[in-house]
Amino acid sequence: MSEGIFLNARIGSDKTAATQDLPAYILPSDAHEMDRLNLQHRIWSTIMHGLCPISKDELDLVLHSKSGHPSPKILDVGCGSGIWCLEIAKEYPHTTVVGFDRTPSKPLSERTTKLLGNVLQGLKQFHGEFDLVHCRVVMSHIKSDMQKSVIQDLVCCLRPGGLLIISDWDEITVDEDDVMLPAAKDNSEPGERGSWLARVTNEAYARDPIDSVLRFIVSDALKNSDSVDQETLGTALYLSPVGWDGGDAEHGAYIGEMVRIDFMDAFDAFKPIYLKRGIPEHVVHEWRALLDKELRGISRRIFTRWHSTWARARDLNSDLRTAGSIFSPDLAVGGPESPAQ
């Protein structure tokens, strides 16, 4: 099972219950990492054809101003550099946008606010306050035994009828025939099936991504929530090439190069973690060379996957069944023929 990349860190200054050990995110928060997150944002925006997995018309339905109701509010949990907050605020200038993250960044804009905090300490201050809650590439960094409680906390942040969107990397590597690749082994034989992207992911997260079922955990958590309108539950799975054009994929070369850069930069960000776990530096350098060869399509051509799941909070004062038909769970799933769909 996933252990995530949160390590135990002592917080607080006394020995009360508030100073319990809580996991702390250990990737860097420097300018280079913010640039990587901005690149990752462009990947998501390209494969989803926008800021969210649903259409603009559907998003307009969620964020339209209602007479006699508070103005629409948006929460981005794990906002990183804040680029998604800035773009959604530009798209919907009548809304109030709040970004939430553990790391500081440069000021966003007059219409956006960034608050600092750890999602694992709870989001009670946000409960019942937002029409849209967005959480992207956060859940994969959380220990598996904490994921369901975090998802429920996100649901609690919604106003009646509000929309929750959870998106993440699927962590699965597949070949050109859409067959999942196992992690590469040291000193593997020529032609032996195996992916170095899968291998370095294993090493970074200290587990096997073949066991990753995050998108099912998210979906099941929402299905089992009494606060969620089940008619509005939807999912999407996107397949993107890594370091090549994916054949006849829409924007394939552009997506493939962005994903390659993102993964190489992520590997470099994880280097201190590898070394801390006792992996010799020369081995880390060897892994990097083998990973680079794979991600450039030299040793093999691969795809990776991304997923989004969304649903709306129950609203006892209105009938959401019509909206449920709009938020269809049968949204087209990308494949090697059309990875950006």
Protein backbone atom coordinates (compact mmCIF):
# COMPACT_ATOMS: atom_id res chain seq x y z
CA MET A 1 0.00 0.00 0.00
CA SER A 2 1.05 3.58 -0.58
CA GLU A 3 3.08 5.25 2.14
CA GLY A 4 3.18 8.56 0.33
CA ILE A 5 6.02 11.03 0.72
CA PHE A 6 4.96 12.53 4.01
CA LEU A 7 7.41 11.83 6.83
CA ASN A 8 6.76 12.27 10.53
CA ALA A 9 7.66 15.74 11.74
CA ARG A 10 7.22 17.25 15.18
CA ILE A 11 4.96 20.29 15.14
CA GLY A 12 4.06 22.74 17.88
CA SER A 13 6.15 23.92 20.82
CA ASP A 14 4.67 22.10 23.79
CA LYS A 15 3.81 18.54 24.71
CA THR A 16 0.04 18.75 24.53
CA ALA A 17 -2.14 16.79 22.15
CA ALA A 18 -1.60 19.56 19.61
CA THR A 19 2.07 18.56 19.33
CA GLN A 20 1.45 15.04 18.11
CA ASP A 21 3.59 13.73 15.28
CA LEU A 22 2.06 14.66 11.96
CA PRO A 23 3.41 13.79 8.52
CA ALA A 24 5.23 16.60 6.72
CA TYR A 25 5.62 16.97 2.97
CA ILE A 26 9.29 16.65 2.09
CA LEU A 27 9.64 17.75 -1.51
CA PRO A 28 11.30 21.17 -1.93
CA SER A 29 9.37 24.42 -2.15
CA ASP A 30 12.00 26.49 -3.98
CA ALA A 31 11.61 28.45 -7.21
CA HIS A 32 12.63 25.48 -9.37
CA GLU A 33 9.91 23.33 -7.81
CA MET A 34 7.35 26.08 -8.37
CA ASP A 35 8.39 26.15 -12.03
CA ARG A 36 7.87 22.37 -12.20
CA LEU A 37 4.39 22.72 -10.70
CA ASN A 38 3.56 25.42 -13.25
CA LEU A 39 4.69 23.06 -16.02
CA GLN A 40 2.53 20.32 -14.49
CA HIS A 41 -0.39 22.74 -14.56
CA ARG A 42 0.09 23.15 -18.33
CA ILE A 43 0.06 19.36 -18.71
CA TRP A 44 -3.26 19.11 -16.88
CA SER A 45 -4.77 22.05 -18.77
CA THR A 46 -3.80 20.48 -22.09
CA ILE A 47 -5.05 16.95 -21.45
CA MET A 48 -8.30 18.22 -19.94
CA HIS A 49 -8.76 21.03 -22.47
CA GLY A 50 -9.24 23.49 -19.63
CA LEU A 51 -8.93 24.02 -15.90
CA CYS A 52 -11.25 21.17 -14.92
CA PRO A 53 -12.32 17.77 -16.30
CA ILE A 54 -15.85 19.07 -16.87
CA SER A 55 -16.90 21.50 -19.60
CA LYS A 56 -17.05 25.26 -19.15
CA ASP A 57 -20.84 25.17 -19.43
CA GLU A 58 -20.98 22.68 -16.57
CA LEU A 59 -18.58 24.74 -14.48
CA ASP A 60 -20.64 27.87 -15.19
CA LEU A 61 -23.62 26.04 -13.69
CA VAL A 62 -21.71 25.48 -10.45
CA LEU A 63 -20.27 28.98 -10.17
CA HIS A 64 -23.13 31.20 -11.33
CA SER A 65 -24.29 33.87 -8.91
CA LYS A 66 -27.62 33.12 -7.24
CA SER A 67 -30.01 35.76 -6.01
CA GLY A 68 -30.25 35.73 -2.23
CA HIS A 69 -27.16 33.50 -1.87
CA PRO A 70 -23.56 34.32 -0.93
CA SER A 71 -21.19 34.99 -3.83
CA PRO A 72 -19.52 31.84 -5.19
CA LYS A 73 -16.33 30.71 -3.45
CA ILE A 74 -13.58 28.41 -4.69
CA LEU A 75 -11.00 26.49 -2.62
CA ASP A 76 -7.82 25.00 -4.12
CA VAL A 77 -6.29 22.53 -1.64
CA GLY A 78 -2.60 22.01 -2.31
CA CYS A 79 -2.41 25.10 -4.51
CA GLY A 80 1.41 25.08 -4.84
CA SER A 81 2.51 28.07 -6.88
CA GLY A 82 -1.09 29.30 -7.08
CA ILE A 83 -1.28 29.19 -10.88
CA TRP A 84 -4.63 27.35 -10.92
CA CYS A 85 -6.06 29.90 -8.46
CA LEU A 86 -4.97 32.78 -10.67
CA GLU A 87 -6.44 31.27 -13.81
CA ILE A 88 -9.78 30.24 -12.28
CA ALA A 89 -10.08 33.73 -10.75
CA LYS A 90 -9.49 35.27 -14.18
CA GLU A 91 -12.10 32.97 -15.72
CA TYR A 92 -14.66 33.71 -12.97
CA PRO A 93 -13.92 37.22 -11.66
CA HIS A 94 -17.13 37.35 -9.62
CA THR A 95 -15.90 34.54 -7.33
CA THR A 96 -13.71 34.53 -4.23
CA VAL A 97 -10.75 32.16 -4.61
CA VAL A 98 -8.78 30.73 -1.69
CA GLY A 99 -5.59 28.71 -2.11
CA PHE A 100 -4.42 26.43 0.71
CA ASP A 101 -0.92 24.97 0.92
CA ARG A 102 1.84 24.17 3.39
CA THR A 103 4.43 26.31 1.62
CA PRO A 104 4.51 30.07 1.03
CA SER A 105 4.75 31.55 -2.44
CA LYS A 106 4.70 34.99 -4.00
CA PRO A 107 1.43 36.97 -3.56
CA LEU A 108 -1.31 35.86 -5.92
CA SER A 109 -3.74 38.66 -6.81
CA GLU A 110 -6.32 40.97 -5.32
CA ARG A 111 -9.07 38.43 -5.96
CA THR A 112 -7.20 35.45 -4.52
CA THR A 113 -6.02 34.61 -1.03
CA LYS A 114 -3.45 32.00 -0.02
CA LEU A 115 -3.61 30.47 3.43
CA LEU A 116 -0.89 28.28 4.91
CA GLY A 117 -1.62 24.98 6.62
CA ASN A 118 -1.38 21.20 6.51
CA VAL A 119 -4.36 19.32 5.09
CA LEU A 120 -3.62 16.50 7.53
CA GLN A 121 -4.42 18.82 10.43
CA GLY A 122 -7.95 19.13 9.09
CA LEU A 123 -9.96 21.63 7.08
CA LYS A 124 -12.63 22.41 9.66
CA GLN A 125 -12.18 26.17 9.14
CA PHE A 126 -13.44 25.69 5.56
CA HIS A 127 -16.41 23.41 6.20
CA GLY A 128 -19.60 24.40 4.38
CA GLU A 129 -17.99 27.43 2.75
CA PHE A 130 -17.26 26.62 -0.92
CA ASP A 131 -19.08 26.03 -4.19
CA LEU A 132 -16.02 24.42 -5.80
CA VAL A 133 -13.23 22.52 -4.06
CA HIS A 134 -10.28 21.58 -6.25
CA CYS A 135 -7.52 19.18 -5.14
CA ARG A 136 -4.87 18.16 -7.67
CA VAL A 137 -1.83 15.87 -7.19
CA VAL A 138 -2.19 15.92 -3.42
CA MET A 139 -3.76 12.57 -2.54
CA SER A 140 -0.86 10.55 -4.00
CA HIS A 141 1.43 12.20 -1.44
CA ILE A 142 -0.74 11.16 1.51
CA LYS A 143 -0.40 7.86 3.36
CA SER A 144 -3.03 5.35 2.31
CA ASP A 145 -4.53 5.06 5.79
CA MET A 146 -5.25 8.81 5.80
CA GLN A 147 -6.63 9.26 2.28
CA LYS A 148 -10.29 8.46 2.96
CA SER A 149 -10.51 10.82 5.92
CA VAL A 150 -8.93 13.62 3.86
CA ILE A 151 -11.43 13.02 1.05
CA GLN A 152 -14.33 13.23 3.48
CA ASP A 153 -12.86 16.44 4.89
CA LEU A 154 -12.79 17.87 1.37
CA VAL A 155 -16.47 16.93 0.91
CA CYS A 156 -17.31 18.74 4.14
CA CYS A 157 -15.89 21.97 2.70
CA LEU A 158 -18.70 22.13 0.12
CA ARG A 159 -21.83 24.17 0.31
CA PRO A 160 -25.04 22.29 -0.59
CA GLY A 161 -24.78 21.50 -4.31
CA GLY A 162 -21.07 22.37 -4.38
CA LEU A 163 -18.64 20.47 -6.59
CA LEU A 164 -15.50 18.57 -5.49
CA ILE A 165 -12.83 17.69 -8.08
CA ILE A 166 -9.92 15.41 -7.15
CA SER A 167 -7.26 14.81 -9.81
CA ASP A 168 -3.96 12.95 -9.60
CA TRP A 169 -1.26 11.01 -11.38
CA ASP A 170 -2.21 7.35 -11.78
CA GLU A 171 1.41 6.16 -11.24
CA ILE A 172 0.98 3.42 -13.84
CA THR A 173 3.38 3.05 -16.79
CA VAL A 174 2.18 1.23 -19.92
CA ASP A 175 3.83 0.37 -23.24
CA GLU A 176 2.66 1.25 -26.74
CA ASP A 177 0.10 -1.58 -26.57
CA ASP A 178 -1.39 -0.19 -23.34
CA VAL A 179 0.07 -3.11 -21.34
CA MET A 180 1.24 -2.21 -17.84
CA LEU A 181 5.00 -2.40 -17.31
CA PRO A 182 6.55 -3.70 -14.08
CA ALA A 183 9.40 -1.87 -12.42
CA ALA A 184 12.77 -2.38 -14.08
CA LYS A 185 15.29 -4.51 -12.22
CA ASP A 186 18.99 -3.98 -11.69
CA ASN A 187 21.11 -5.80 -14.28
CA SER A 188 18.04 -6.80 -16.28
CA GLU A 189 18.54 -8.78 -19.46
CA PRO A 190 18.33 -7.01 -22.85
CA GLY A 191 14.72 -6.90 -24.00
CA GLU A 192 13.34 -7.73 -20.54
CA ARG A 193 10.09 -5.92 -19.84
CA GLY A 194 10.37 -3.24 -17.22
CA SER A 195 10.08 0.52 -16.77
CA TRP A 196 12.58 2.79 -15.04
CA LEU A 197 9.81 5.31 -14.43
CA ALA A 198 8.00 2.63 -12.44
CA ARG A 199 11.24 1.70 -10.67
CA VAL A 200 12.20 5.19 -9.49
CA THR A 201 8.60 5.80 -8.44
CA ASN A 202 8.80 2.64 -6.31
CA GLU A 203 11.99 3.88 -4.72
CA ALA A 204 10.65 7.38 -4.09
CA TYR A 205 7.42 6.24 -2.50
CA ALA A 206 8.89 3.12 -0.88
CA ARG A 207 6.25 0.87 -2.43
CA ASP A 208 5.16 -0.70 -5.69
CA PRO A 209 2.89 1.54 -7.82
CA ILE A 210 1.37 -1.60 -9.33
CA ASP A 211 -0.52 -1.75 -6.04
CA SER A 212 -1.71 1.84 -6.50
CA VAL A 213 -5.48 2.05 -6.54
CA LEU A 214 -5.84 5.72 -5.68
CA ARG A 215 -8.49 6.53 -8.27
CA PHE A 216 -10.61 3.68 -6.90
CA ILE A 217 -10.05 4.84 -3.32
CA VAL A 218 -11.28 8.32 -4.29
CA SER A 219 -14.30 6.97 -6.15
CA ASP A 220 -15.23 4.55 -3.36
CA ALA A 221 -14.87 7.24 -0.69
CA LEU A 222 -17.30 9.46 -2.58
CA LYS A 223 -19.69 6.57 -3.25
CA ASN A 224 -19.77 5.80 0.47
CA SER A 225 -20.33 9.38 1.56
CA ASP A 226 -23.85 10.28 2.68
CA SER A 227 -23.03 13.91 1.87
CA VAL A 228 -22.50 13.22 -1.87
CA ASP A 229 -25.23 13.19 -4.51
CA GLN A 230 -24.45 9.88 -6.20
CA GLU A 231 -26.14 10.95 -9.45
CA THR A 232 -23.35 13.50 -9.98
CA LEU A 233 -20.35 11.22 -9.51
CA GLY A 234 -18.06 11.20 -12.55
CA THR A 235 -14.57 10.00 -13.47
CA ALA A 236 -12.08 10.43 -16.31
CA LEU A 237 -8.84 8.62 -17.12
CA TYR A 238 -6.29 10.26 -19.42
CA LEU A 239 -3.37 8.56 -21.17
CA SER A 240 -0.39 10.69 -22.21
CA PRO A 241 2.82 9.82 -24.06
CA VAL A 242 6.12 10.43 -22.29
CA GLY A 243 8.92 11.89 -24.40
CA TRP A 244 7.34 11.11 -27.77
CA ASP A 245 4.26 12.08 -29.78
CA GLY A 246 2.07 9.07 -28.94
CA GLY A 247 1.47 8.29 -32.58
CA ASP A 248 -1.51 10.31 -33.80
CA ALA A 249 -2.34 11.72 -30.36
CA GLU A 250 -3.77 15.23 -30.21
CA HIS A 251 -0.99 17.59 -29.03
CA GLY A 252 1.01 14.38 -28.45
CA ALA A 253 4.51 15.78 -29.00
CA TYR A 254 3.78 18.84 -26.84
CA ILE A 255 2.31 16.76 -24.01
CA GLY A 256 5.04 14.13 -24.27
CA GLU A 257 7.85 16.65 -23.92
CA MET A 258 6.20 18.44 -20.99
CA VAL A 259 5.64 15.15 -19.17
CA ARG A 260 9.25 14.10 -19.80
CA ILE A 261 10.59 17.34 -18.30
CA ASP A 262 8.19 17.10 -15.36
CA PHE A 263 9.27 13.55 -14.50
CA MET A 264 12.99 14.29 -14.84
CA ASP A 265 12.66 17.37 -12.62
CA ALA A 266 10.67 15.32 -10.10
CA PHE A 267 13.42 12.69 -10.04
CA ASP A 268 15.98 15.40 -9.28
CA ALA A 269 13.75 16.74 -6.50
CA PHE A 270 13.63 13.26 -4.98
CA LYS A 271 17.42 12.80 -5.04
CA PRO A 272 17.92 13.87 -1.38
CA ILE A 273 15.27 11.34 -0.37
CA TYR A 274 17.06 8.52 -2.22
CA LEU A 275 20.36 9.47 -0.57
CA LYS A 276 18.74 9.72 2.86
CA ARG A 277 17.51 6.16 2.46
CA GLY A 278 21.07 4.98 1.96
CA ILE A 279 21.11 4.58 -1.81
CA PRO A 280 24.66 5.35 -3.03
CA GLU A 281 24.99 8.50 -5.10
CA HIS A 282 26.53 6.64 -8.04
CA VAL A 283 23.47 4.37 -8.13
CA VAL A 284 21.17 7.41 -8.19
CA HIS A 285 23.18 8.76 -11.14
CA GLU A 286 22.82 5.42 -12.94
CA TRP A 287 19.06 5.45 -12.36
CA ARG A 288 18.84 8.97 -13.74
CA ALA A 289 20.67 8.01 -16.93
CA LEU A 290 18.44 4.95 -17.44
CA LEU A 291 15.30 7.00 -16.70
CA ASP A 292 16.36 9.73 -19.14
CA LYS A 293 16.95 7.12 -21.85
CA GLU A 294 13.45 5.71 -21.33
CA LEU A 295 11.71 9.07 -21.12
CA ARG A 296 13.31 10.15 -24.39
CA GLY A 297 11.86 7.08 -26.09
CA ILE A 298 15.29 5.58 -26.75
CA SER A 299 15.00 2.32 -24.81
CA ARG A 300 11.20 2.02 -25.18
CA ARG A 301 8.14 4.18 -25.78
CA ILE A 302 5.79 4.56 -22.84
CA PHE A 303 2.56 6.20 -21.77
CA THR A 304 1.52 7.31 -18.31
CA ARG A 305 -1.96 7.94 -16.92
CA TRP A 306 -3.78 10.72 -15.04
CA HIS A 307 -7.22 10.62 -13.47
CA SER A 308 -9.96 12.91 -12.22
CA THR A 309 -13.00 12.16 -10.07
CA TRP A 310 -15.74 14.62 -9.18
CA ALA A 311 -19.11 14.83 -7.46
CA ARG A 312 -21.50 17.37 -5.96
CA ALA A 313 -22.66 17.68 -2.38
CA ARG A 314 -26.28 16.80 -1.68
CA ASP A 315 -28.67 19.73 -1.73
CA LEU A 316 -31.95 18.95 -0.02
CA ASN A 317 -33.46 22.18 -1.31
CA SER A 318 -33.05 21.42 -5.01
CA ASP A 319 -33.18 18.53 -7.45
CA LEU A 320 -29.66 17.73 -8.67
CA ARG A 321 -30.67 14.84 -10.90
CA THR A 322 -30.59 17.08 -13.97
CA ALA A 323 -27.12 18.25 -13.00
CA GLY A 324 -26.19 14.64 -12.45
CA SER A 325 -26.88 13.82 -16.06
CA ILE A 326 -24.53 16.65 -17.02
CA PHE A 327 -21.76 15.38 -14.76
CA SER A 328 -21.70 12.02 -16.51
CA PRO A 329 -19.48 9.24 -15.10
CA ASP A 330 -19.08 8.01 -18.68
CA LEU A 331 -16.74 10.80 -19.79
CA ALA A 332 -14.49 9.48 -22.56
CA VAL A 333 -11.38 7.74 -21.28
CA GLY A 334 -8.16 8.47 -23.12
CA GLY A 335 -6.22 5.71 -24.82
CA PRO A 336 -3.11 5.30 -26.95
CA GLU A 337 -5.13 6.49 -29.97
CA SER A 338 -6.26 9.70 -28.26
CA PRO A 339 -4.34 10.27 -25.02
CA ALA A 340 -5.54 13.80 -24.44
CA GLN A 341 -9.25 13.03 -24.59
